[in-house]
PDB file of N, CA and C in Angstrom:
ATOM      1  N   MET A   1       7.327   2.483 -12.304  1.00  0.00           N
ATOM      2  CA  MET A   1       6.403   1.409 -13.359  1.00  0.00           C
ATOM      3  C   MET A   1       5.970   0.704 -12.388  1.00  0.00           C
ATOM      4  N   GLU A   2       4.572   1.019 -13.112  1.00  0.00           N
ATOM      5  CA  GLU A   2       3.325   0.216 -12.405  1.00  0.00           C
ATOM      6  C   GLU A   2       2.956  -1.431 -12.893  1.00  0.00           C
ATOM      7  N   ILE A   3       2.878  -2.490 -12.030  1.00  0.00           N
ATOM      8  CA  ILE A   3       2.863  -3.567 -12.558  1.00  0.00           C
ATOM      9  C   ILE A   3       1.667  -4.118 -11.900  1.00  0.00           C
ATOM     10  N   TRP A   4       0.727  -4.496 -12.610  1.00  0.00           N
ATOM     11  CA  TRP A   4      -0.356  -4.887 -12.533  1.00  0.00           C
ATOM     12  C   TRP A   4      -0.216  -6.412 -11.697  1.00  0.00           C
ATOM     13  N   LEU A   5      -0.823  -6.808 -10.190  1.00  0.00           N
ATOM     14  CA  LEU A   5      -0.803  -8.186  -9.715  1.00  0.00           C
ATOM     15  C   LEU A   5      -2.347  -8.342  -9.328  1.00  0.00           C
ATOM     16  N   PRO A   6      -2.845  -9.691  -9.438  1.00  0.00           N
ATOM     17  CA  PRO A   6      -4.291  -9.768  -8.719  1.00  0.00           C
ATOM     18  C   PRO A   6      -4.365  -9.686  -7.367  1.00  0.00           C
ATOM     19  N   PHE A   7      -3.010  -9.132  -6.764  1.00  0.00           N
ATOM     20  CA  PHE A   7      -3.417  -8.907  -5.260  1.00  0.00           C
ATOM     21  C   PHE A   7      -2.234  -8.130  -4.974  1.00  0.00           C
ATOM     22  N   GLU A   8      -1.726  -7.832  -3.548  1.00  0.00           N
ATOM     23  CA  GLU A   8      -0.745  -7.328  -2.839  1.00  0.00           C
ATOM     24  C   GLU A   8       0.663  -8.135  -2.822  1.00  0.00           C
ATOM     25  N   SER A   9       0.376  -9.240  -2.510  1.00  0.00           N
ATOM     26  CA  SER A   9       1.075 -10.612  -2.235  1.00  0.00           C
ATOM     27  C   SER A   9       1.165 -11.531  -2.972  1.00  0.00           C
ATOM     28  N   CYS A  10       2.213 -11.796  -3.330  1.00  0.00           N
ATOM     29  CA  CYS A  10       2.441 -13.083  -4.337  1.00  0.00           C
ATOM     30  C   CYS A  10       3.298 -14.455  -3.583  1.00  0.00           C
ATOM     31  N   VAL A  11       3.138 -15.372  -4.048  1.00  0.00           N
ATOM     32  CA  VAL A  11       3.676 -16.800  -3.589  1.00  0.00           C
ATOM     33  C   VAL A  11       4.265 -16.764  -4.840  1.00  0.00           C
ATOM     34  N   ILE A  12       6.052 -17.600  -5.304  1.00  0.00           N
ATOM     35  CA  ILE A  12       6.271 -17.926  -6.299  1.00  0.00           C
ATOM     36  C   ILE A  12       6.956 -19.492  -5.250  1.00  0.00           C
ATOM     37  N   ASP A  13       6.716 -20.277  -6.406  1.00  0.00           N
ATOM     38  CA  ASP A  13       7.637 -21.676  -6.115  1.00  0.00           C
ATOM     39  C   ASP A  13       8.609 -21.852  -7.090  1.00  0.00           C
ATOM     40  N   ILE A  14       9.655 -22.241  -6.138  1.00  0.00           N
ATOM     41  CA  ILE A  14      10.835 -22.794  -6.910  1.00  0.00           C
ATOM     42  C   ILE A  14      11.580 -23.781  -6.625  1.00  0.00           C
ATOM     43  N   ALA A  15      12.329 -24.428  -7.867  1.00  0.00           N
ATOM     44  CA  ALA A  15      12.863 -25.749  -7.649  1.00  0.00           C
ATOM     45  C   ALA A  15      14.565 -25.514  -8.111  1.00  0.00           C
ATOM     46  N   LEU A  16      15.246 -26.141  -7.699  1.00  0.00           N
ATOM     47  CA  LEU A  16      16.516 -26.148  -7.698  1.00  0.00           C
ATOM     48  C   LEU A  16      16.928 -27.708  -8.480  1.00  0.00           C
ATOM     49  N   THR A  17      16.891 -27.115 -10.412  1.00  0.00           N
ATOM     50  CA  THR A  17      17.222 -27.852 -10.998  1.00  0.00           C
ATOM     51  C   THR A  17      18.395 -28.508 -11.639  1.00  0.00           C
ATOM     52  N   GLY A  18      18.765 -28.996 -11.941  1.00  0.00           N
ATOM     53  CA  GLY A  18      20.203 -29.297 -13.090  1.00  0.00           C
ATOM     54  C   GLY A  18      20.563 -28.078 -13.934  1.00  0.00           C
ATOM     55  N   GLU A  19      19.874 -27.267 -13.839  1.00  0.00           N
ATOM     56  CA  GLU A  19      20.000 -26.456 -14.802  1.00  0.00           C
ATOM     57  C   GLU A  19      20.133 -24.828 -13.907  1.00  0.00           C
ATOM     58  N   GLY A  20      20.183 -25.182 -12.722  1.00  0.00           N
ATOM     59  CA  GLY A  20      19.683 -23.915 -12.014  1.00  0.00           C
ATOM     60  C   GLY A  20      18.260 -23.861 -11.223  1.00  0.00           C
ATOM     61  N   LEU A  21      17.892 -23.014 -10.701  1.00  0.00           N
ATOM     62  CA  LEU A  21      16.593 -22.348 -10.148  1.00  0.00           C
ATOM     63  C   LEU A  21      15.727 -21.773 -11.462  1.00  0.00           C
ATOM     64  N   LYS A  22      14.774 -22.359 -10.698  1.00  0.00           N
ATOM     65  CA  LYS A  22      13.331 -22.670 -12.434  1.00  0.00           C
ATOM     66  C   LYS A  22      12.173 -21.891 -11.444  1.00  0.00           C
ATOM     67  N   VAL A  23      11.136 -21.192 -11.441  1.00  0.00           N
ATOM     68  CA  VAL A  23       9.861 -21.076 -11.507  1.00  0.00           C
ATOM     69  C   VAL A  23       9.071 -21.761 -12.022  1.00  0.00           C
ATOM     70  N   ILE A  24       8.286 -22.560 -10.789  1.00  0.00           N
ATOM     71  CA  ILE A  24       7.460 -23.680 -10.861  1.00  0.00           C
ATOM     72  C   ILE A  24       6.027 -23.074 -11.043  1.00  0.00           C
ATOM     73  N   GLU A  25       5.594 -22.111 -10.167  1.00  0.00           N
ATOM     74  CA  GLU A  25       4.416 -21.925 -10.240  1.00  0.00           C
ATOM     75  C   GLU A  25       4.278 -20.400  -9.264  1.00  0.00           C
ATOM     76  N   PHE A  26       3.326 -19.506  -9.759  1.00  0.00           N
ATOM     77  CA  PHE A  26       3.421 -17.862  -9.653  1.00  0.00           C
ATOM     78  C   PHE A  26       1.766 -17.613  -9.022  1.00  0.00           C
ATOM     79  N   ASN A  27       1.589 -17.767  -8.059  1.00  0.00           N
ATOM     80  CA  ASN A  27       0.433 -17.276  -7.368  1.00  0.00           C
ATOM     81  C   ASN A  27      -0.187 -16.119  -6.788  1.00  0.00           C
ATOM     82  N   ASN A  28      -1.124 -15.463  -6.959  1.00  0.00           N
ATOM     83  CA  ASN A  28      -1.384 -14.445  -5.437  1.00  0.00           C
ATOM     84  C   ASN A  28      -1.972 -15.324  -4.413  1.00  0.00           C
ATOM     85  N   ILE A  29      -1.540 -14.690  -3.314  1.00  0.00           N
ATOM     86  CA  ILE A  29      -1.746 -15.402  -1.800  1.00  0.00           C
ATOM     87  C   ILE A  29      -2.706 -16.293  -1.202  1.00  0.00           C
ATOM     88  N   ASN A  30      -4.041 -15.656  -2.484  1.00  0.00           N
ATOM     89  CA  ASN A  30      -5.431 -16.170  -2.156  1.00  0.00           C
ATOM     90  C   ASN A  30      -5.634 -17.385  -2.355  1.00  0.00           C
ATOM     91  N   SER A  31      -4.865 -18.046  -3.980  1.00  0.00           N
ATOM     92  CA  SER A  31      -5.034 -19.155  -4.381  1.00  0.00           C
ATOM     93  C   SER A  31      -3.603 -20.076  -4.026  1.00  0.00           C
ATOM     94  N   SER A  32      -3.059 -19.842  -2.963  1.00  0.00           N
ATOM     95  CA  SER A  32      -1.608 -20.681  -2.940  1.00  0.00           C
ATOM     96  C   SER A  32      -1.949 -21.626  -1.501  1.00  0.00           C
ATOM     97  N   GLY A  33      -1.508 -22.711  -1.375  1.00  0.00           N
ATOM     98  CA  GLY A  33      -1.460 -23.435  -0.675  1.00  0.00           C
ATOM     99  C   GLY A  33      -0.529 -23.450   0.509  1.00  0.00           C
ATOM    100  N   PHE A  34      -0.895 -24.122   1.648  1.00  0.00           N
ATOM    101  CA  PHE A  34       0.248 -23.948   2.663  1.00  0.00           C
ATOM    102  C   PHE A  34       1.546 -24.825   2.751  1.00  0.00           C
ATOM    103  N   TYR A  35       1.361 -26.145   1.860  1.00  0.00           N
ATOM    104  CA  TYR A  35       2.385 -27.094   1.865  1.00  0.00           C
ATOM    105  C   TYR A  35       2.857 -27.251   3.340  1.00  0.00           C
ATOM    106  N   ALA A  36       4.577 -27.438   3.186  1.00  0.00           N
ATOM    107  CA  ALA A  36       5.052 -27.255   4.554  1.00  0.00           C
ATOM    108  C   ALA A  36       5.391 -26.183   5.140  1.00  0.00           C
ATOM    109  N   VAL A  37       4.591 -24.716   5.001  1.00  0.00           N
ATOM    110  CA  VAL A  37       4.816 -23.781   5.638  1.00  0.00           C
ATOM    111  C   VAL A  37       4.503 -23.613   7.124  1.00  0.00           C
ATOM    112  N   ASP A  38       5.777 -22.657   7.823  1.00  0.00           N
ATOM    113  CA  ASP A  38       5.068 -22.328   9.195  1.00  0.00           C
ATOM    114  C   ASP A  38       3.911 -20.911   9.119  1.00  0.00           C
ATOM    115  N   VAL A  39       2.669 -21.994   9.497  1.00  0.00           N
ATOM    116  CA  VAL A  39       1.814 -21.211   9.316  1.00  0.00           C
ATOM    117  C   VAL A  39       1.736 -19.940  10.030  1.00  0.00           C
ATOM    118  N   PRO A  40       2.039 -20.172  11.661  1.00  0.00           N
ATOM    119  CA  PRO A  40       1.784 -19.012  12.522  1.00  0.00           C
ATOM    120  C   PRO A  40       3.619 -17.664  12.270  1.00  0.00           C
ATOM    121  N   LYS A  41       4.091 -18.186  11.480  1.00  0.00           N
ATOM    122  CA  LYS A  41       4.898 -17.429  11.447  1.00  0.00           C
ATOM    123  C   LYS A  41       4.278 -16.533   9.695  1.00  0.00           C
ATOM    124  N   TYR A  42       3.831 -17.528   9.169  1.00  0.00           N
ATOM    125  CA  TYR A  42       2.913 -16.890   7.656  1.00  0.00           C
ATOM    126  C   TYR A  42       2.284 -15.976   8.005  1.00  0.00           C
ATOM    127  N   VAL A  43       0.990 -16.194   9.271  1.00  0.00           N
ATOM    128  CA  VAL A  43       0.145 -15.229   9.595  1.00  0.00           C
ATOM    129  C   VAL A  43       0.626 -13.667  10.143  1.00  0.00           C
ATOM    130  N   GLU A  44       1.808 -13.945  11.204  1.00  0.00           N
ATOM    131  CA  GLU A  44       2.390 -12.839  11.330  1.00  0.00           C
ATOM    132  C   GLU A  44       3.243 -12.197  10.335  1.00  0.00           C
ATOM    133  N   ALA A  45       3.643 -12.435   9.397  1.00  0.00           N
ATOM    134  CA  ALA A  45       4.349 -11.692   8.356  1.00  0.00           C
ATOM    135  C   ALA A  45       3.165 -10.952   7.801  1.00  0.00           C
ATOM    136  N   ILE A  46       2.374 -11.527   7.230  1.00  0.00           N
ATOM    137  CA  ILE A  46       0.766 -10.633   6.732  1.00  0.00           C
ATOM    138  C   ILE A  46       0.428 -10.283   7.284  1.00  0.00           C
ATOM    139  N   GLU A  47       0.274  -9.760   8.741  1.00  0.00           N
ATOM    140  CA  GLU A  47      -0.106  -8.950   9.900  1.00  0.00           C
ATOM    141  C   GLU A  47       0.949  -7.687   9.894  1.00  0.00           C
ATOM    142  N   VAL A  48       1.972  -8.250   9.735  1.00  0.00           N
ATOM    143  CA  VAL A  48       3.120  -7.139   9.890  1.00  0.00           C
ATOM    144  C   VAL A  48       2.760  -5.939   8.655  1.00  0.00           C
ATOM    145  N   ALA A  49       2.898  -6.598   7.192  1.00  0.00           N
ATOM    146  CA  ALA A  49       2.928  -6.110   5.807  1.00  0.00           C
ATOM    147  C   ALA A  49       1.706  -5.524   6.254  1.00  0.00           C
ATOM    148  N   TYR A  50       0.351  -5.953   6.535  1.00  0.00           N
ATOM    149  CA  TYR A  50      -0.870  -5.379   6.038  1.00  0.00           C
ATOM    150  C   TYR A  50      -1.584  -4.799   7.335  1.00  0.00           C
ATOM    151  N   GLY A  51      -1.248  -4.838   8.577  1.00  0.00           N
ATOM    152  CA  GLY A  51      -1.406  -4.529  10.004  1.00  0.00           C
ATOM    153  C   GLY A  51      -2.947  -5.023  10.422  1.00  0.00           C
TER     154      GLY A  51
END
């Protein structure tokens, strides 16, 4: 099954609520903020994924 995505990688913001896990936001990787991410680890993962 083919699914269209605006980019090959996506970022999903998830929160643990009183009702369980909920998706708060779904973005393509180009429009997502870094917030508290480990940027060097993020860059390494992107390099591994896309060479």
